Amino acid sequence: MAYDYLESSCFVIEKELDEIGTPISFTLVGAGQGHGIGMCKTGAAMMAIEGYKWSDILKHYFENCQIKSIYGPEST
């Protein structure tokens, strides 16, 4: 798990204003951790940094899929 990275870029900024409307504080509230399906970009990036091949990363996230060429010399 990549604890040093933002889990989602989806967040809401709440501001507290004083009596004349001057901001006195801001709170960033997380609004997501991804949709729970498919490939996690941060996880895939960390796997790549750790030396996993692209095909192994795809197989990790999409276990029951086949990787094959649909064009080029291998498709003939």
Protein backbone atom coordinates (compact mmCIF):
# COMPACT_ATOMS: atom_id res chain seq x y z
CA MET A 1 0.00 0.00 0.00
CA ALA A 2 1.29 3.45 -0.87
CA TYR A 3 0.63 5.39 2.34
CA ASP A 4 2.73 8.36 1.19
CA TYR A 5 0.41 9.08 -1.73
CA LEU A 6 -2.98 10.75 -2.01
CA GLU A 7 -5.57 7.95 -2.22
CA SER A 8 -7.84 9.98 -4.46
CA SER A 9 -7.74 13.38 -6.09
CA CYS A 10 -11.43 13.69 -5.26
CA PHE A 11 -11.80 15.88 -2.17
CA VAL A 12 -13.91 18.78 -0.93
CA ILE A 13 -12.47 21.93 0.64
CA GLU A 14 -14.55 23.26 3.52
CA LYS A 15 -13.78 26.77 4.74
CA GLU A 16 -14.58 28.48 8.00
CA LEU A 17 -15.13 32.22 7.81
CA ASP A 18 -15.07 34.86 10.50
CA GLU A 19 -17.93 37.33 11.02
CA ILE A 20 -16.80 39.58 8.14
CA GLY A 21 -16.19 36.72 5.68
CA THR A 22 -12.43 36.32 6.02
CA PRO A 23 -11.30 32.69 5.82
CA ILE A 24 -9.85 31.49 9.12
CA SER A 25 -9.43 27.79 8.35
CA PHE A 26 -9.69 25.25 5.58
CA THR A 27 -10.42 21.55 5.95
CA LEU A 28 -9.79 19.08 3.13
CA VAL A 29 -12.25 16.21 3.28
CA GLY A 30 -11.51 13.10 1.23
CA ALA A 31 -14.35 12.11 -1.07
CA GLY A 32 -13.09 8.84 -2.50
CA GLN A 33 -10.59 6.02 -2.66
CA GLY A 34 -11.26 4.93 -6.20
CA HIS A 35 -14.19 2.91 -7.47
CA GLY A 36 -12.97 -0.45 -6.22
CA ILE A 37 -12.76 -2.10 -9.65
CA GLY A 38 -10.07 -2.09 -12.26
CA MET A 39 -6.50 -0.93 -11.92
CA CYS A 40 -5.22 1.36 -9.19
CA LYS A 41 -2.85 3.84 -10.83
CA THR A 42 -0.80 4.32 -7.67
CA GLY A 43 -0.59 0.58 -7.02
CA ALA A 44 0.43 -0.10 -10.62
CA ALA A 45 3.07 2.64 -10.46
CA MET A 46 4.48 1.20 -7.23
CA MET A 47 4.60 -2.29 -8.76
CA ALA A 48 6.51 -0.85 -11.74
CA ILE A 49 8.96 0.90 -9.40
CA GLU A 50 9.46 -2.43 -7.63
CA GLY A 51 10.41 -4.02 -10.96
CA TYR A 52 7.26 -5.86 -12.03
CA LYS A 53 6.80 -6.22 -15.80
CA TRP A 54 3.80 -4.52 -17.41
CA SER A 55 2.23 -7.89 -18.20
CA ASP A 56 2.49 -8.99 -14.55
CA ILE A 57 0.90 -5.74 -13.40
CA LEU A 58 -2.03 -6.20 -15.78
CA LYS A 59 -2.46 -9.84 -14.71
CA HIS A 60 -2.49 -8.73 -11.06
CA TYR A 61 -5.43 -6.36 -11.63
CA PHE A 62 -7.26 -8.31 -14.34
CA GLU A 63 -6.82 -11.93 -13.22
CA ASN A 64 -9.13 -13.66 -15.69
CA CYS A 65 -8.03 -11.80 -18.81
CA GLN A 66 -5.73 -12.78 -21.63
CA ILE A 67 -3.14 -10.44 -23.05
CA LYS A 68 -2.76 -10.88 -26.80
CA SER A 69 -1.89 -8.89 -29.85
CA ILE A 70 -4.84 -8.07 -32.12
CA TYR A 71 -2.73 -6.44 -34.80
CA GLY A 72 0.72 -6.78 -36.28
CA PRO A 73 2.71 -9.92 -37.14
CA GLU A 74 1.40 -12.00 -34.22
CA SER A 75 -2.24 -11.62 -35.31
CA THR A 76 -1.80 -13.27 -38.73
